[in-house]
Protein backbone atom coordinates (compact mmCIF):
# COMPACT_ATOMS: atom_id res chain seq x y z
CA MET A 1 14.36 58.58 -25.68
CA LYS A 2 13.41 55.64 -23.52
CA THR A 3 12.61 56.38 -19.91
CA LEU A 4 14.19 54.40 -17.14
CA ALA A 5 10.76 52.74 -16.47
CA THR A 6 10.58 51.58 -20.09
CA VAL A 7 14.04 50.05 -19.96
CA ILE A 8 13.25 48.26 -16.75
CA ALA A 9 10.03 46.94 -18.17
CA SER A 10 11.82 45.68 -21.27
CA VAL A 11 14.48 43.85 -19.21
CA TYR A 12 11.80 42.42 -17.04
CA ALA A 13 9.93 41.09 -20.05
CA ILE A 14 13.11 39.54 -21.51
CA VAL A 15 13.85 37.82 -18.25
CA CYS A 16 10.26 36.51 -17.98
CA VAL A 17 10.44 35.15 -21.57
CA ALA A 18 13.78 33.56 -20.78
CA GLY A 19 12.35 31.96 -17.64
CA GLN A 20 9.33 30.60 -19.56
CA THR A 21 11.64 29.12 -22.23
CA GLN A 22 13.67 27.35 -19.55
CA GLU A 23 10.52 26.07 -17.79
CA THR A 24 9.33 24.75 -21.17
CA ALA A 25 12.62 22.95 -21.80
CA GLU A 26 12.60 21.43 -18.25
CA ALA A 27 8.95 20.35 -18.77
CA LYS A 28 9.79 18.76 -22.08
CA GLU A 29 12.78 16.87 -20.60
CA LYS A 30 10.56 15.56 -17.79
CA ARG A 31 7.82 14.54 -20.15
CA ILE A 32 10.41 12.57 -22.15
CA GLU A 33 12.07 10.98 -19.17
CA GLN A 34 8.88 10.07 -17.26
CA ARG A 35 5.44 8.90 -18.26
CA THR A 36 2.59 7.36 -16.45
CA TRP A 37 -0.45 5.53 -17.92
CA PRO A 38 -3.99 5.73 -16.56
CA ALA A 39 -4.98 3.26 -13.83
CA ILE A 40 -6.62 0.11 -15.00
CA SER A 41 -8.40 -2.55 -13.00
CA ASN A 42 -8.27 -5.49 -15.46
CA GLY A 43 -5.69 -8.36 -15.46
CA LEU A 44 -3.55 -9.76 -12.76
CA VAL A 45 0.11 -9.03 -11.97
CA PHE A 46 2.63 -10.92 -9.90
CA VAL A 47 6.21 -9.77 -9.20
CA GLY A 48 8.51 -12.48 -7.80
CA GLY A 49 5.44 -14.45 -6.78
CA ASP A 50 4.08 -11.46 -4.91
CA PHE A 51 0.53 -10.58 -5.95
CA ILE A 52 0.07 -6.91 -6.90
CA PRO A 53 -3.51 -5.88 -6.29
CA PRO A 54 -5.30 -3.75 -8.85
CA PRO A 55 -5.84 -1.08 -10.06
CA TYR A 56 -2.63 -1.13 -12.03
CA VAL A 57 -0.60 1.90 -12.93
CA VAL A 58 2.18 1.32 -15.57
CA SER A 59 4.87 3.97 -15.42
CA ARG A 60 8.30 4.64 -16.83
CA VAL A 61 11.29 6.64 -15.46
CA LYS A 62 13.76 6.85 -18.36
CA ASN A 63 14.48 3.18 -19.28
CA VAL A 64 13.07 1.70 -16.07
CA ILE A 65 9.48 0.31 -16.12
CA TYR A 66 7.24 -0.08 -13.10
CA ILE A 67 3.80 -1.36 -12.26
CA ASN A 68 2.41 0.04 -9.09
CA GLY A 69 5.82 1.21 -8.22
CA LYS A 70 7.34 -2.31 -8.52
CA HIS A 71 10.25 -2.63 -10.86
CA VAL A 72 9.24 -5.00 -13.71
CA GLY A 73 11.92 -4.43 -16.32
CA THR A 74 14.86 -2.36 -17.70
CA PRO A 75 14.80 -3.42 -21.32
CA GLY A 76 17.67 -1.27 -22.52
CA GLY A 77 20.00 1.66 -21.83
CA TRP A 78 19.16 5.41 -21.67
CA PRO A 79 21.24 7.66 -23.90
CA THR A 80 23.75 9.83 -22.03
CA VAL A 81 25.98 12.67 -23.04
CA LYS A 82 29.59 11.29 -23.19
CA ILE A 83 32.10 13.52 -21.63
CA GLN A 84 35.62 13.14 -22.72
CA GLU A 85 37.67 12.65 -19.60
CA PRO A 86 41.45 13.16 -19.48
CA VAL A 87 43.45 9.95 -19.66
CA ASN A 88 44.98 9.00 -16.35
CA PRO A 89 48.05 6.94 -16.94
CA ASP A 90 48.12 5.97 -13.27
CA ALA A 91 44.60 4.62 -13.31
CA SER A 92 44.42 1.12 -11.88
CA LYS A 93 43.62 -1.82 -14.20
CA PRO A 94 40.38 -3.87 -13.63
CA VAL A 95 40.68 -6.37 -10.74
CA ASP A 96 40.20 -10.05 -11.40
CA PRO A 97 37.17 -10.93 -9.26
CA LYS A 98 36.77 -14.17 -7.41
CA ILE A 99 33.53 -16.28 -7.61
CA PRO A 100 31.32 -14.90 -4.82
CA SER A 101 30.21 -17.46 -2.17
CA GLY A 102 26.61 -16.38 -2.87
CA ILE A 103 26.67 -18.11 -6.35
CA THR A 104 25.36 -21.63 -5.76
CA GLU A 105 23.71 -24.36 -7.73
CA LYS A 106 20.38 -22.55 -7.44
CA THR A 107 21.74 -19.25 -8.85
CA THR A 108 20.04 -18.00 -12.07
CA ILE A 109 20.97 -15.60 -14.84
CA TYR A 110 18.77 -12.95 -13.24
CA ASP A 111 20.46 -12.93 -9.71
CA LYS A 112 22.27 -9.67 -8.97
CA GLU A 113 25.38 -11.49 -7.59
CA PHE A 114 25.76 -13.44 -10.81
CA ILE A 115 25.25 -10.27 -13.01
CA LYS A 116 27.83 -8.32 -11.05
CA TYR A 117 30.41 -11.12 -11.09
CA ASN A 118 29.84 -11.86 -14.79
CA THR A 119 30.26 -8.15 -15.68
CA GLU A 120 33.38 -7.58 -13.66
CA LYS A 121 35.02 -10.81 -14.83
CA LYS A 122 34.36 -10.05 -18.51
CA LYS A 123 35.66 -6.50 -18.05
CA TYR A 124 38.91 -7.83 -16.60
CA LEU A 125 39.45 -10.52 -19.22
CA PHE A 126 38.71 -8.19 -22.10
CA ALA A 127 40.99 -5.50 -20.75
CA THR A 128 43.81 -7.97 -20.14
CA TYR A 129 43.71 -10.38 -23.04
CA GLY A 130 41.36 -8.75 -25.70
CA GLN A 131 37.89 -9.73 -26.82
CA GLU A 132 38.63 -12.77 -28.90
CA LYS A 133 40.71 -14.54 -26.16
CA GLY A 134 38.46 -13.04 -23.51
CA VAL A 135 35.45 -14.80 -24.93
CA ASP A 136 37.22 -18.18 -24.90
CA MET A 137 38.24 -17.57 -21.33
CA MET A 138 34.61 -16.68 -20.41
CA VAL A 139 33.59 -20.23 -21.54
CA ASP A 140 35.87 -21.51 -18.80
CA VAL A 141 34.38 -18.97 -16.33
CA TYR A 142 30.85 -20.10 -16.94
CA SER A 143 31.83 -23.75 -16.76
CA SER A 144 33.38 -23.21 -13.38
CA LEU A 145 30.24 -21.83 -11.84
CA PRO A 146 28.28 -24.22 -9.56
CA CYS A 147 25.00 -23.28 -11.21
CA VAL A 148 26.16 -24.07 -14.70
CA LYS A 149 26.19 -27.56 -16.38
CA THR A 150 28.01 -26.87 -19.67
CA ALA A 151 29.23 -23.82 -21.66
CA GLU A 152 30.46 -23.60 -25.20
CA ARG A 153 30.96 -20.97 -27.85
CA ASP A 154 28.18 -20.72 -30.44
CA LYS A 155 29.42 -21.95 -33.81
CA ASP A 156 27.10 -19.59 -35.61
CA SER A 157 27.64 -16.44 -33.61
CA ALA A 158 31.23 -15.13 -33.02
CA TRP A 159 30.54 -13.53 -29.62
CA THR A 160 27.89 -15.79 -28.12
CA ILE A 161 28.32 -18.42 -25.49
CA ASN A 162 25.63 -21.13 -25.02
CA VAL A 163 25.15 -21.81 -21.34
CA THR A 164 23.22 -24.81 -20.02
CA TRP A 165 22.18 -24.28 -16.36
CA LYS A 166 21.88 -27.09 -13.87
CA SER A 167 18.15 -26.14 -13.68
CA GLY A 168 17.89 -27.30 -17.34
CA GLU A 169 17.49 -23.84 -18.78
CA ILE A 170 19.60 -22.82 -21.76
CA HIS A 171 20.72 -19.20 -22.42
CA HIS A 172 22.58 -17.87 -25.47
CA ILE A 173 24.66 -15.05 -23.87
CA CYS A 174 26.27 -12.53 -26.15
CA GLN A 175 29.57 -11.33 -24.75
CA VAL A 176 30.05 -8.36 -26.96
CA PRO A 177 27.06 -6.04 -27.61
CA PRO A 178 26.37 -5.10 -31.12
CA GLN A 179 28.32 -2.08 -32.23
CA ARG A 180 26.14 0.81 -33.34
CA SER A 181 26.39 4.53 -33.61
CA GLN A 182 24.99 6.44 -30.64
CA ASP A 183 24.84 9.69 -32.54
CA ASN A 184 21.26 9.23 -33.60
CA VAL A 185 20.00 7.70 -30.33
CA THR A 186 18.22 10.67 -28.72
CA PRO A 187 16.13 10.61 -25.51
CA GLU A 188 13.05 11.06 -27.74
CA LYS A 189 13.75 7.95 -29.70
CA ALA A 190 14.64 5.92 -26.68
CA ALA A 191 11.47 7.12 -24.97
CA LYS A 192 9.48 5.90 -27.93
CA VAL A 193 10.96 2.39 -27.68
CA PHE A 194 10.22 2.09 -23.93
CA ASP A 195 6.82 3.66 -24.29
CA ASP A 196 5.93 0.99 -26.82
CA ILE A 197 6.92 -1.72 -24.33
CA CYS A 198 4.88 -0.05 -21.59
CA GLY A 199 2.04 -0.01 -24.10
CA ILE A 200 2.22 -3.76 -24.56
CA TYR A 201 1.77 -4.19 -20.70
CA TYR A 202 -1.07 -1.62 -20.70
CA SER A 203 -2.93 -3.08 -23.60
CA GLY A 204 -2.50 -6.61 -22.14
CA LEU A 205 -4.05 -5.57 -18.93
CA GLU A 206 -6.89 -3.91 -20.85
CA LEU A 207 -7.49 -7.33 -22.43
CA ASN A 208 -7.58 -8.88 -18.99
CA ASP A 209 -4.30 -10.79 -19.45
CA TYR A 210 -2.03 -11.71 -16.51
CA PHE A 211 1.64 -10.97 -16.22
CA MET A 212 4.34 -12.59 -14.07
CA PHE A 213 7.75 -10.89 -13.50
CA GLY A 214 10.73 -12.24 -11.62
CA THR A 215 12.36 -15.62 -11.97
CA VAL A 216 9.50 -16.39 -14.48
CA HIS A 217 8.54 -13.81 -17.14
CA ARG A 218 5.13 -14.78 -18.51
CA ARG A 219 2.17 -13.15 -20.08
CA GLY A 220 -1.10 -15.15 -20.30
CA THR A 221 -4.50 -14.65 -21.76
CA GLN A 222 -7.78 -15.32 -19.93
CA ASP A 223 -7.69 -18.92 -21.33
CA GLY A 224 -4.23 -19.30 -19.71
CA TYR A 225 -5.65 -18.53 -16.23
CA GLY A 226 -7.08 -21.99 -16.08
CA GLN A 227 -3.90 -23.58 -17.28
CA PHE A 228 -1.44 -21.91 -14.97
CA LEU A 229 -2.97 -19.83 -12.16
CA VAL A 230 -5.81 -22.21 -11.22
CA PRO A 231 -3.43 -25.16 -10.50
CA ILE A 232 -1.16 -22.79 -8.50
CA ALA A 233 -4.13 -21.57 -6.45
CA GLU A 234 -5.46 -25.12 -5.82
CA ALA A 235 -2.00 -26.40 -4.77
CA LEU A 236 -1.46 -23.44 -2.42
CA LYS A 237 -4.76 -24.36 -0.69
CA THR A 238 -4.16 -28.08 -0.42
CA ALA A 239 -0.38 -28.61 -0.06
CA LYS A 240 0.57 -29.44 3.62
CA ASP A 241 3.84 -27.61 3.37
CA GLU A 242 6.18 -25.85 0.99
CA GLU A 243 7.98 -28.99 -0.12
CA ALA A 244 4.66 -30.67 -0.99
CA PHE A 245 3.60 -27.55 -3.03
CA VAL A 246 6.99 -27.39 -4.88
CA SER A 247 6.83 -31.14 -5.66
CA THR A 248 3.35 -30.87 -6.99
CA MET A 249 4.05 -27.91 -9.18
CA THR A 250 7.29 -29.11 -10.56
CA ASN A 251 5.61 -32.34 -11.62
CA LYS A 252 2.79 -30.38 -13.23
CA PHE A 253 5.04 -27.75 -14.90
CA PRO A 254 8.46 -29.16 -16.01
CA MET A 255 11.36 -26.69 -16.09
CA VAL A 256 11.08 -26.43 -19.82
CA THR A 257 8.04 -24.30 -19.27
CA GLY A 258 10.19 -21.68 -17.51
CA PHE A 259 8.88 -22.47 -14.03
CA THR A 260 11.79 -23.16 -11.79
CA GLU A 261 11.71 -24.53 -8.18
CA LYS A 262 12.72 -20.96 -7.16
CA ALA A 263 9.67 -19.48 -8.90
CA PHE A 264 7.27 -21.87 -7.12
CA ARG A 265 8.96 -21.12 -3.72
CA SER A 266 8.35 -17.42 -4.37
CA PHE A 267 4.57 -18.16 -4.79
CA TYR A 268 4.50 -20.20 -1.64
CA LYS A 269 6.26 -17.45 0.30
CA HIS A 270 3.26 -15.21 -0.53
CA LYS A 271 0.60 -17.89 -0.09
CA ASP A 272 -1.19 -15.71 2.43
CA GLN A 273 -2.10 -13.43 -0.39
CA LEU A 274 -4.23 -16.16 -2.08
CA PRO A 275 -7.51 -14.85 -0.60
CA GLN A 276 -6.76 -11.58 -2.32
CA TRP A 277 -6.20 -12.81 -5.86
CA GLU A 278 -8.13 -16.08 -6.06
CA PRO A 279 -11.55 -14.34 -6.23
CA LEU A 280 -10.26 -12.21 -9.11
CA LEU A 281 -8.93 -15.38 -10.68
CA GLN A 282 -12.32 -17.10 -10.43
CA LYS A 283 -14.13 -14.09 -11.78
CA ARG A 284 -11.90 -13.71 -14.76
CA CYS A 285 -11.69 -17.37 -15.83
CA LYS A 286 -15.43 -17.94 -15.31
CA GLY A 287 -16.73 -20.04 -18.18
CA ARG A 288 -13.29 -20.42 -19.67
CA GLN A 289 -11.89 -23.46 -17.81
């Protein structure tokens, strides 16, 4: 016959094991959802024209990627558990949004106001008229924006609209994301995809590459320092004002290279940081210009 002390000890052991199992599961979930790479002092990083000083720490929280705590990308969605909610017949239909006053000729595809308006407008049109007619109507929506020059449906892709911006940039915007089964998309698989992207940034920094995030997304090698960053540094030192700097840089780098007027203005905004990153620039492109 078991004594009371034996029973209590057995129960305590079971509780402890259960607690350890729960902690292990929580630790595993945290490990999948978050990861941080070792600090590295090579390379150069700019976010929105703002110089980020080394050492660099690449990290990820679910599908969001950071360098030194600065958001540099959200390259995809994170799998979620879908909960079947009861249908509410009285739920209101999507509201037809108006073009925000903040969308101007200088608005880009990356601006939050454009993204929000585009998402809400598409949601309304698709819910009201269906996908096929909704895509046709989105062509008119893009064409009506002050920042867009032309918009037309892509002849080779049923759900894509080709948008030419007044800046000269061209984007092929898919209106209907590819349909795929979410059953096999686990957090582990998603983490592997995003870890691979983080690995690209980390390995690039190891190789002493530079990265630009923001209105310009660019990765350059040491040879590229002399082609892009040296002219920017020289112009920041010699230009008498912001307009002179922008004029010099837009003549040197046409918009087809991805450098827009907004991108150059972001660099000029942080010109006081030049003494921080120019010595690193000179060191890293020594003998390569």
